[in-house]
Amino acid sequence: MQKHYLTDIVEPVVQDLGYEIVRIMTIGEANPVLQIMIEHKDYNKELTIDDCTIVSKAISSILDEKDPIESQYTLEVSSPGLDRPLTKIEHFSRYKGYVIKLETTEAVEKRKRFKGVIEDVSNEGQITLSMDEVQYNIAFNNVAKAKIVLTDELWAQYLKAHKDNQS
């Protein structure tokens, strides 16, 4: 997965505040949006609007100071959500057993698009994906994009965790 050109500027600020960057992406050309998805370093902790506001203000300050973006843009700091993108090898390990959609840059067994369950992730960066009773081994450096598929099981798990956190 390709590193965004602002990562080196933004990441230290986000990490110092106790968060991790999930993805940085620029969307649009006429009125671009700089989208930064974050999560707590303790990824089991729920991200709030207040968290996003804190990070947004800190990032705005550093971007105003460094001025790395020539044109006008809108900054958007958000949670990755339930159907989150998987951008780091650790994400694949963390979500082992989940259904994902994945696209590769180079074909694997004559295909580039997959929808299946993460079965395993090796120390060498190989992701084993089970799809239609076939296992595919995909190198992490061949992943163009990947995200979790929102399933009934995932939704039920979220509701249970949310209910437990409120108790």
N, C-alpha and C. Protein backbone atom coordinates (compact mmCIF):
# COMPACT_ATOMS: atom_id res chain seq x y z
N MET A 1 0.83 -1.17 0.00
CA MET A 1 0.00 0.00 0.00
C MET A 1 0.88 1.23 0.00
N GLN A 2 0.48 2.19 -0.77
CA GLN A 2 1.29 3.37 -0.96
C GLN A 2 1.13 4.35 0.19
N LYS A 3 2.24 4.91 0.62
CA LYS A 3 2.27 5.88 1.71
C LYS A 3 1.84 7.25 1.16
N HIS A 4 0.98 7.95 1.89
CA HIS A 4 0.54 9.29 1.49
C HIS A 4 1.68 10.28 1.74
N TYR A 5 1.79 11.29 0.91
CA TYR A 5 2.91 12.23 1.02
C TYR A 5 2.87 13.06 2.31
N LEU A 6 1.75 13.11 3.02
CA LEU A 6 1.68 13.87 4.27
C LEU A 6 1.93 13.03 5.53
N THR A 7 2.12 11.74 5.36
CA THR A 7 2.27 10.85 6.51
C THR A 7 3.38 11.31 7.45
N ASP A 8 4.53 11.66 6.91
CA ASP A 8 5.67 12.05 7.75
C ASP A 8 5.39 13.30 8.58
N ILE A 9 4.53 14.18 8.09
CA ILE A 9 4.18 15.41 8.82
C ILE A 9 3.12 15.12 9.88
N VAL A 10 2.10 14.36 9.50
CA VAL A 10 0.92 14.17 10.33
C VAL A 10 1.08 13.06 11.38
N GLU A 11 1.74 11.98 11.02
CA GLU A 11 1.80 10.81 11.90
C GLU A 11 2.40 11.09 13.29
N PRO A 12 3.52 11.82 13.40
CA PRO A 12 4.07 12.07 14.75
C PRO A 12 3.09 12.82 15.66
N VAL A 13 2.34 13.75 15.10
CA VAL A 13 1.37 14.52 15.87
C VAL A 13 0.26 13.60 16.38
N VAL A 14 -0.25 12.76 15.49
CA VAL A 14 -1.33 11.83 15.84
C VAL A 14 -0.85 10.85 16.90
N GLN A 15 0.35 10.31 16.73
CA GLN A 15 0.88 9.34 17.69
C GLN A 15 1.13 9.96 19.06
N ASP A 16 1.62 11.20 19.09
CA ASP A 16 1.86 11.89 20.36
C ASP A 16 0.57 12.08 21.15
N LEU A 17 -0.55 12.14 20.46
CA LEU A 17 -1.86 12.31 21.11
C LEU A 17 -2.47 10.97 21.56
N GLY A 18 -1.81 9.85 21.22
CA GLY A 18 -2.30 8.54 21.65
C GLY A 18 -3.15 7.81 20.62
N TYR A 19 -3.03 8.21 19.36
CA TYR A 19 -3.82 7.60 18.30
C TYR A 19 -2.90 7.03 17.22
N GLU A 20 -3.49 6.24 16.34
CA GLU A 20 -2.77 5.73 15.17
C GLU A 20 -3.53 6.13 13.92
N ILE A 21 -2.79 6.34 12.87
CA ILE A 21 -3.41 6.62 11.58
C ILE A 21 -3.76 5.30 10.91
N VAL A 22 -4.98 5.20 10.46
CA VAL A 22 -5.41 4.03 9.69
C VAL A 22 -5.17 4.30 8.21
N ARG A 23 -5.57 5.50 7.76
CA ARG A 23 -5.39 5.85 6.35
C ARG A 23 -5.42 7.35 6.18
N ILE A 24 -4.60 7.84 5.26
CA ILE A 24 -4.65 9.23 4.82
C ILE A 24 -4.95 9.19 3.33
N MET A 25 -5.93 9.98 2.92
CA MET A 25 -6.35 9.93 1.52
C MET A 25 -6.84 11.31 1.10
N THR A 26 -6.49 11.72 -0.09
CA THR A 26 -7.01 12.96 -0.65
C THR A 26 -8.10 12.58 -1.64
N ILE A 27 -9.29 13.17 -1.45
CA ILE A 27 -10.45 12.85 -2.27
C ILE A 27 -10.86 14.10 -3.05
N GLY A 28 -11.01 13.95 -4.36
CA GLY A 28 -11.47 15.05 -5.20
C GLY A 28 -10.35 15.95 -5.67
N GLU A 29 -10.67 16.73 -6.69
CA GLU A 29 -9.68 17.66 -7.23
C GLU A 29 -10.14 19.11 -7.15
N ALA A 30 -11.39 19.37 -7.50
CA ALA A 30 -11.90 20.75 -7.50
C ALA A 30 -11.95 21.31 -6.08
N ASN A 31 -12.54 20.58 -5.17
CA ASN A 31 -12.62 20.96 -3.75
C ASN A 31 -12.10 19.77 -2.93
N PRO A 32 -10.78 19.57 -2.89
CA PRO A 32 -10.24 18.35 -2.27
C PRO A 32 -10.54 18.24 -0.77
N VAL A 33 -10.70 17.01 -0.34
CA VAL A 33 -10.87 16.68 1.07
C VAL A 33 -9.67 15.84 1.48
N LEU A 34 -8.99 16.26 2.53
CA LEU A 34 -7.91 15.48 3.10
C LEU A 34 -8.55 14.65 4.21
N GLN A 35 -8.72 13.36 3.95
CA GLN A 35 -9.39 12.46 4.89
C GLN A 35 -8.33 11.70 5.68
N ILE A 36 -8.41 11.80 7.00
CA ILE A 36 -7.49 11.10 7.87
C ILE A 36 -8.31 10.24 8.82
N MET A 37 -8.16 8.93 8.69
CA MET A 37 -8.85 7.99 9.57
C MET A 37 -7.91 7.63 10.70
N ILE A 38 -8.44 7.69 11.92
CA ILE A 38 -7.62 7.39 13.10
C ILE A 38 -8.33 6.38 14.00
N GLU A 39 -7.55 5.80 14.89
CA GLU A 39 -8.09 4.96 15.95
C GLU A 39 -7.17 5.12 17.16
N HIS A 40 -7.69 4.74 18.33
CA HIS A 40 -6.86 4.75 19.54
C HIS A 40 -5.74 3.73 19.38
N LYS A 41 -4.59 4.01 20.00
CA LYS A 41 -3.52 3.01 20.02
C LYS A 41 -4.03 1.73 20.65
N ASP A 42 -4.88 1.88 21.67
CA ASP A 42 -5.60 0.74 22.23
C ASP A 42 -6.86 0.62 21.37
N TYR A 43 -6.76 -0.13 20.30
CA TYR A 43 -7.82 -0.17 19.29
C TYR A 43 -9.16 -0.70 19.81
N ASN A 44 -9.18 -1.27 21.02
CA ASN A 44 -10.45 -1.73 21.59
C ASN A 44 -11.26 -0.58 22.18
N LYS A 45 -10.63 0.56 22.37
CA LYS A 45 -11.29 1.73 22.92
C LYS A 45 -12.06 2.44 21.80
N GLU A 46 -13.30 2.79 22.09
CA GLU A 46 -14.14 3.43 21.08
C GLU A 46 -13.68 4.87 20.80
N LEU A 47 -13.65 5.23 19.54
CA LEU A 47 -13.27 6.57 19.13
C LEU A 47 -14.50 7.47 19.19
N THR A 48 -14.35 8.67 19.75
CA THR A 48 -15.48 9.59 19.88
C THR A 48 -15.28 10.81 18.97
N ILE A 49 -16.32 11.61 18.87
CA ILE A 49 -16.23 12.86 18.12
C ILE A 49 -15.21 13.79 18.77
N ASP A 50 -15.15 13.76 20.10
CA ASP A 50 -14.17 14.59 20.81
C ASP A 50 -12.74 14.20 20.43
N ASP A 51 -12.49 12.89 20.29
CA ASP A 51 -11.17 12.42 19.86
C ASP A 51 -10.83 13.00 18.49
N CYS A 52 -11.78 12.93 17.58
CA CYS A 52 -11.55 13.43 16.22
C CYS A 52 -11.30 14.94 16.23
N THR A 53 -12.02 15.65 17.09
CA THR A 53 -11.84 17.11 17.20
C THR A 53 -10.44 17.46 17.71
N ILE A 54 -9.99 16.74 18.72
CA ILE A 54 -8.65 16.97 19.29
C ILE A 54 -7.58 16.77 18.21
N VAL A 55 -7.69 15.66 17.49
CA VAL A 55 -6.70 15.35 16.45
C VAL A 55 -6.81 16.35 15.30
N SER A 56 -8.02 16.71 14.93
CA SER A 56 -8.23 17.67 13.83
C SER A 56 -7.56 19.01 14.14
N LYS A 57 -7.74 19.51 15.36
CA LYS A 57 -7.13 20.79 15.74
C LYS A 57 -5.61 20.71 15.71
N ALA A 58 -5.06 19.61 16.21
CA ALA A 58 -3.60 19.45 16.22
C ALA A 58 -3.04 19.34 14.81
N ILE A 59 -3.73 18.59 13.97
CA ILE A 59 -3.28 18.42 12.59
C ILE A 59 -3.40 19.74 11.83
N SER A 60 -4.50 20.46 12.05
CA SER A 60 -4.69 21.76 11.39
C SER A 60 -3.54 22.70 11.70
N SER A 61 -3.13 22.71 12.97
CA SER A 61 -2.03 23.60 13.38
C SER A 61 -0.73 23.28 12.65
N ILE A 62 -0.39 21.99 12.59
CA ILE A 62 0.87 21.61 11.93
C ILE A 62 0.79 21.83 10.42
N LEU A 63 -0.39 21.57 9.84
CA LEU A 63 -0.54 21.80 8.40
C LEU A 63 -0.51 23.29 8.07
N ASP A 64 -1.07 24.12 8.94
CA ASP A 64 -1.00 25.57 8.74
C ASP A 64 0.45 26.05 8.83
N GLU A 65 1.19 25.49 9.78
CA GLU A 65 2.60 25.88 9.98
C GLU A 65 3.48 25.44 8.81
N LYS A 66 3.35 24.18 8.41
CA LYS A 66 4.21 23.62 7.36
C LYS A 66 3.72 23.99 5.95
N ASP A 67 2.41 24.19 5.81
CA ASP A 67 1.76 24.56 4.54
C ASP A 67 2.16 23.65 3.36
N PRO A 68 1.99 22.32 3.51
CA PRO A 68 2.41 21.39 2.45
C PRO A 68 1.40 21.25 1.30
N ILE A 69 0.21 21.81 1.48
CA ILE A 69 -0.84 21.69 0.45
C ILE A 69 -1.04 23.06 -0.18
N GLU A 70 -0.82 23.14 -1.49
CA GLU A 70 -0.86 24.43 -2.17
C GLU A 70 -2.26 25.00 -2.29
N SER A 71 -3.23 24.17 -2.60
CA SER A 71 -4.58 24.66 -2.83
C SER A 71 -5.41 24.61 -1.54
N GLN A 72 -6.61 25.17 -1.64
CA GLN A 72 -7.55 25.10 -0.53
C GLN A 72 -8.09 23.68 -0.43
N TYR A 73 -8.37 23.22 0.78
CA TYR A 73 -8.86 21.87 1.00
C TYR A 73 -9.69 21.84 2.27
N THR A 74 -10.40 20.75 2.48
CA THR A 74 -11.16 20.52 3.71
C THR A 74 -10.51 19.35 4.43
N LEU A 75 -10.25 19.52 5.72
CA LEU A 75 -9.69 18.46 6.54
C LEU A 75 -10.83 17.68 7.18
N GLU A 76 -10.77 16.36 7.07
CA GLU A 76 -11.78 15.50 7.69
C GLU A 76 -11.05 14.43 8.50
N VAL A 77 -11.26 14.43 9.80
CA VAL A 77 -10.68 13.41 10.69
C VAL A 77 -11.83 12.55 11.17
N SER A 78 -11.69 11.22 10.97
CA SER A 78 -12.81 10.34 11.30
C SER A 78 -12.33 8.97 11.78
N SER A 79 -13.30 8.22 12.25
CA SER A 79 -13.10 6.82 12.63
C SER A 79 -13.10 5.99 11.35
N PRO A 80 -12.41 4.85 11.35
CA PRO A 80 -12.47 3.99 10.17
C PRO A 80 -13.80 3.27 10.03
N GLY A 81 -14.61 3.22 11.08
CA GLY A 81 -15.91 2.56 11.01
C GLY A 81 -15.80 1.05 11.06
N LEU A 82 -16.95 0.40 11.05
CA LEU A 82 -16.98 -1.07 11.13
C LEU A 82 -16.42 -1.72 9.87
N ASP A 83 -16.74 -1.15 8.72
CA ASP A 83 -16.25 -1.72 7.45
C ASP A 83 -14.95 -1.03 7.06
N ARG A 84 -14.07 -0.97 8.01
CA ARG A 84 -12.82 -0.24 7.95
C ARG A 84 -11.85 -0.75 6.89
N PRO A 85 -11.01 0.14 6.40
CA PRO A 85 -9.93 -0.31 5.53
C PRO A 85 -8.85 -1.02 6.33
N LEU A 86 -8.19 -1.95 5.70
CA LEU A 86 -7.05 -2.66 6.30
C LEU A 86 -5.82 -2.16 5.56
N THR A 87 -4.98 -1.39 6.24
CA THR A 87 -3.86 -0.74 5.57
C THR A 87 -2.49 -1.17 6.08
N LYS A 88 -2.49 -1.92 7.18
CA LYS A 88 -1.23 -2.39 7.77
C LYS A 88 -1.33 -3.89 7.96
N ILE A 89 -0.21 -4.57 7.93
CA ILE A 89 -0.21 -6.02 8.11
C ILE A 89 -0.82 -6.39 9.47
N GLU A 90 -0.62 -5.53 10.47
CA GLU A 90 -1.19 -5.77 11.80
C GLU A 90 -2.72 -5.82 11.75
N HIS A 91 -3.31 -5.02 10.85
CA HIS A 91 -4.77 -5.02 10.71
C HIS A 91 -5.26 -6.40 10.27
N PHE A 92 -4.55 -7.01 9.34
CA PHE A 92 -4.95 -8.33 8.85
C PHE A 92 -4.86 -9.35 9.98
N SER A 93 -3.82 -9.27 10.79
CA SER A 93 -3.68 -10.18 11.93
C SER A 93 -4.79 -9.96 12.94
N ARG A 94 -5.08 -8.71 13.23
CA ARG A 94 -6.10 -8.36 14.22
C ARG A 94 -7.48 -8.84 13.80
N TYR A 95 -7.75 -8.84 12.51
CA TYR A 95 -9.08 -9.19 12.01
C TYR A 95 -9.12 -10.57 11.36
N LYS A 96 -8.23 -11.43 11.82
CA LYS A 96 -8.24 -12.82 11.37
C LYS A 96 -9.61 -13.43 11.69
N GLY A 97 -10.19 -14.14 10.72
CA GLY A 97 -11.51 -14.74 10.90
C GLY A 97 -12.64 -13.87 10.36
N TYR A 98 -12.32 -12.63 9.96
CA TYR A 98 -13.32 -11.72 9.43
C TYR A 98 -13.40 -11.85 7.90
N VAL A 99 -14.56 -11.49 7.36
CA VAL A 99 -14.75 -11.45 5.91
C VAL A 99 -14.23 -10.11 5.41
N ILE A 100 -13.42 -10.16 4.36
CA ILE A 100 -12.88 -8.92 3.78
C ILE A 100 -13.03 -8.93 2.26
N LYS A 101 -12.94 -7.74 1.69
CA LYS A 101 -12.77 -7.57 0.24
C LYS A 101 -11.35 -7.08 0.06
N LEU A 102 -10.68 -7.62 -0.94
CA LEU A 102 -9.28 -7.30 -1.16
C LEU A 102 -9.01 -7.22 -2.65
N GLU A 103 -8.25 -6.22 -3.05
CA GLU A 103 -7.79 -6.10 -4.44
C GLU A 103 -6.27 -6.09 -4.44
N THR A 104 -5.70 -6.77 -5.42
CA THR A 104 -4.25 -6.83 -5.54
C THR A 104 -3.77 -5.97 -6.70
N THR A 105 -2.51 -5.60 -6.66
CA THR A 105 -1.92 -4.86 -7.78
C THR A 105 -1.56 -5.83 -8.91
N GLU A 106 -1.05 -7.01 -8.54
CA GLU A 106 -0.71 -8.05 -9.50
C GLU A 106 -1.65 -9.24 -9.29
N ALA A 107 -2.02 -9.90 -10.36
CA ALA A 107 -2.94 -11.04 -10.27
C ALA A 107 -2.35 -12.18 -9.42
N VAL A 108 -3.22 -12.82 -8.66
CA VAL A 108 -2.88 -14.01 -7.89
C VAL A 108 -3.80 -15.10 -8.41
N GLU A 109 -3.21 -16.13 -8.98
CA GLU A 109 -3.98 -17.21 -9.59
C GLU A 109 -5.07 -16.67 -10.53
N LYS A 110 -4.63 -15.75 -11.38
CA LYS A 110 -5.43 -15.16 -12.46
C LYS A 110 -6.59 -14.27 -11.99
N ARG A 111 -6.50 -13.77 -10.75
CA ARG A 111 -7.53 -12.85 -10.29
C ARG A 111 -6.92 -11.74 -9.46
N LYS A 112 -7.63 -10.60 -9.42
CA LYS A 112 -7.17 -9.45 -8.66
C LYS A 112 -8.15 -9.04 -7.57
N ARG A 113 -9.36 -9.57 -7.62
CA ARG A 113 -10.38 -9.22 -6.62
C ARG A 113 -10.79 -10.45 -5.84
N PHE A 114 -10.87 -10.27 -4.52
CA PHE A 114 -11.17 -11.38 -3.63
C PHE A 114 -12.18 -10.92 -2.58
N LYS A 115 -13.02 -11.85 -2.15
CA LYS A 115 -13.90 -11.64 -1.01
C LYS A 115 -13.91 -12.95 -0.24
N GLY A 116 -13.32 -12.93 0.95
CA GLY A 116 -13.21 -14.15 1.72
C GLY A 116 -12.81 -13.88 3.15
N VAL A 117 -12.49 -14.94 3.85
CA VAL A 117 -12.15 -14.87 5.27
C VAL A 117 -10.63 -14.91 5.44
N ILE A 118 -10.12 -14.03 6.29
CA ILE A 118 -8.69 -14.07 6.62
C ILE A 118 -8.46 -15.30 7.48
N GLU A 119 -7.70 -16.24 6.95
CA GLU A 119 -7.41 -17.48 7.67
C GLU A 119 -6.13 -17.38 8.48
N ASP A 120 -5.11 -16.70 7.91
CA ASP A 120 -3.83 -16.63 8.59
C ASP A 120 -3.02 -15.46 8.04
N VAL A 121 -2.07 -15.01 8.83
CA VAL A 121 -1.12 -13.99 8.41
C VAL A 121 0.24 -14.43 8.92
N SER A 122 1.18 -14.60 8.01
CA SER A 122 2.51 -15.09 8.41
C SER A 122 3.41 -13.93 8.83
N ASN A 123 4.48 -14.28 9.50
CA ASN A 123 5.47 -13.28 9.90
C ASN A 123 6.16 -12.66 8.69
N GLU A 124 6.12 -13.36 7.57
CA GLU A 124 6.75 -12.87 6.34
C GLU A 124 5.81 -11.97 5.53
N GLY A 125 4.61 -11.71 6.04
CA GLY A 125 3.69 -10.82 5.34
C GLY A 125 2.80 -11.49 4.32
N GLN A 126 2.60 -12.79 4.46
CA GLN A 126 1.68 -13.53 3.57
C GLN A 126 0.31 -13.60 4.24
N ILE A 127 -0.72 -13.23 3.50
CA ILE A 127 -2.09 -13.29 3.99
C ILE A 127 -2.75 -14.49 3.32
N THR A 128 -3.31 -15.37 4.13
CA THR A 128 -4.03 -16.52 3.59
C THR A 128 -5.51 -16.19 3.69
N LEU A 129 -6.15 -16.17 2.51
CA LEU A 129 -7.55 -15.81 2.40
C LEU A 129 -8.32 -17.01 1.88
N SER A 130 -9.40 -17.37 2.56
CA SER A 130 -10.23 -18.49 2.15
C SER A 130 -11.46 -17.95 1.43
N MET A 131 -11.65 -18.41 0.19
CA MET A 131 -12.76 -17.93 -0.63
C MET A 131 -13.30 -19.09 -1.44
N ASP A 132 -14.60 -19.35 -1.30
CA ASP A 132 -15.24 -20.45 -2.04
C ASP A 132 -14.48 -21.76 -1.86
N GLU A 133 -14.09 -22.03 -0.62
CA GLU A 133 -13.39 -23.26 -0.24
C GLU A 133 -12.00 -23.41 -0.88
N VAL A 134 -11.46 -22.30 -1.38
CA VAL A 134 -10.10 -22.28 -1.93
C VAL A 134 -9.30 -21.28 -1.11
N GLN A 135 -8.04 -21.64 -0.81
CA GLN A 135 -7.17 -20.72 -0.08
C GLN A 135 -6.22 -20.03 -1.03
N TYR A 136 -6.10 -18.72 -0.87
CA TYR A 136 -5.19 -17.91 -1.68
C TYR A 136 -4.15 -17.31 -0.75
N ASN A 137 -2.90 -17.37 -1.15
CA ASN A 137 -1.82 -16.73 -0.41
C ASN A 137 -1.46 -15.45 -1.14
N ILE A 138 -1.62 -14.35 -0.44
CA ILE A 138 -1.43 -13.03 -1.04
C ILE A 138 -0.39 -12.28 -0.22
N ALA A 139 0.64 -11.80 -0.88
CA ALA A 139 1.68 -11.02 -0.20
C ALA A 139 1.12 -9.65 0.15
N PHE A 140 1.39 -9.19 1.36
CA PHE A 140 0.88 -7.89 1.79
C PHE A 140 1.31 -6.78 0.83
N ASN A 141 2.55 -6.85 0.32
CA ASN A 141 3.01 -5.80 -0.60
C ASN A 141 2.33 -5.86 -1.96
N ASN A 142 1.46 -6.85 -2.19
CA ASN A 142 0.68 -6.95 -3.42
C ASN A 142 -0.76 -6.44 -3.20
N VAL A 143 -1.09 -6.02 -2.00
CA VAL A 143 -2.44 -5.56 -1.69
C VAL A 143 -2.58 -4.10 -2.13
N ALA A 144 -3.52 -3.85 -3.04
CA ALA A 144 -3.80 -2.48 -3.48
C ALA A 144 -4.75 -1.82 -2.48
N LYS A 145 -5.81 -2.54 -2.10
CA LYS A 145 -6.72 -2.06 -1.07
C LYS A 145 -7.49 -3.23 -0.49
N ALA A 146 -7.89 -3.04 0.77
CA ALA A 146 -8.65 -4.09 1.46
C ALA A 146 -9.52 -3.43 2.51
N LYS A 147 -10.66 -4.06 2.76
CA LYS A 147 -11.55 -3.56 3.81
C LYS A 147 -12.41 -4.68 4.35
N ILE A 148 -12.85 -4.50 5.58
CA ILE A 148 -13.73 -5.47 6.22
C ILE A 148 -15.12 -5.35 5.60
N VAL A 149 -15.77 -6.48 5.42
CA VAL A 149 -17.14 -6.51 4.92
C VAL A 149 -18.08 -6.49 6.12
N LEU A 150 -19.04 -5.60 6.08
CA LEU A 150 -20.02 -5.51 7.16
C LEU A 150 -20.97 -6.69 7.07
N THR A 151 -20.93 -7.56 8.07
CA THR A 151 -21.78 -8.75 8.11
C THR A 151 -22.70 -8.67 9.33
N ASP A 152 -23.72 -9.51 9.36
CA ASP A 152 -24.61 -9.56 10.52
C ASP A 152 -23.83 -9.90 11.79
N GLU A 153 -22.86 -10.80 11.68
CA GLU A 153 -22.05 -11.20 12.83
C GLU A 153 -21.22 -10.02 13.36
N LEU A 154 -20.65 -9.27 12.44
CA LEU A 154 -19.84 -8.11 12.83
C LEU A 154 -20.72 -7.07 13.51
N TRP A 155 -21.90 -6.82 12.97
CA TRP A 155 -22.83 -5.86 13.54
C TRP A 155 -23.25 -6.30 14.94
N ALA A 156 -23.56 -7.57 15.11
CA ALA A 156 -23.97 -8.12 16.41
C ALA A 156 -22.82 -7.97 17.42
N GLN A 157 -21.61 -8.23 16.98
CA GLN A 157 -20.43 -8.10 17.84
C GLN A 157 -20.26 -6.64 18.29
N TYR A 158 -20.44 -5.72 17.36
CA TYR A 158 -20.33 -4.29 17.68
C TYR A 158 -21.39 -3.88 18.71
N LEU A 159 -22.63 -4.30 18.48
CA LEU A 159 -23.72 -3.94 19.40
C LEU A 159 -23.47 -4.48 20.79
N LYS A 160 -22.96 -5.72 20.87
CA LYS A 160 -22.66 -6.32 22.17
C LYS A 160 -21.55 -5.54 22.87
N ALA A 161 -20.49 -5.21 22.16
CA ALA A 161 -19.38 -4.46 22.75
C ALA A 161 -19.84 -3.07 23.18
N HIS A 162 -20.67 -2.44 22.37
CA HIS A 162 -21.18 -1.10 22.69
C HIS A 162 -22.05 -1.15 23.94
N LYS A 163 -22.87 -2.19 24.04
CA LYS A 163 -23.73 -2.37 25.22
C LYS A 163 -22.88 -2.62 26.46
N ASP A 164 -21.84 -3.45 26.34
CA ASP A 164 -20.95 -3.75 27.46
C ASP A 164 -20.21 -2.50 27.94
N ASN A 165 -19.83 -1.62 27.01
CA ASN A 165 -19.11 -0.39 27.36
C ASN A 165 -20.02 0.60 28.08
N GLN A 166 -21.32 0.51 27.85
CA GLN A 166 -22.27 1.43 28.48
C GLN A 166 -22.63 0.99 29.89
N SER A 167 -22.36 -0.27 30.21
CA SER A 167 -22.72 -0.81 31.53
C SER A 167 -21.78 -0.36 32.62
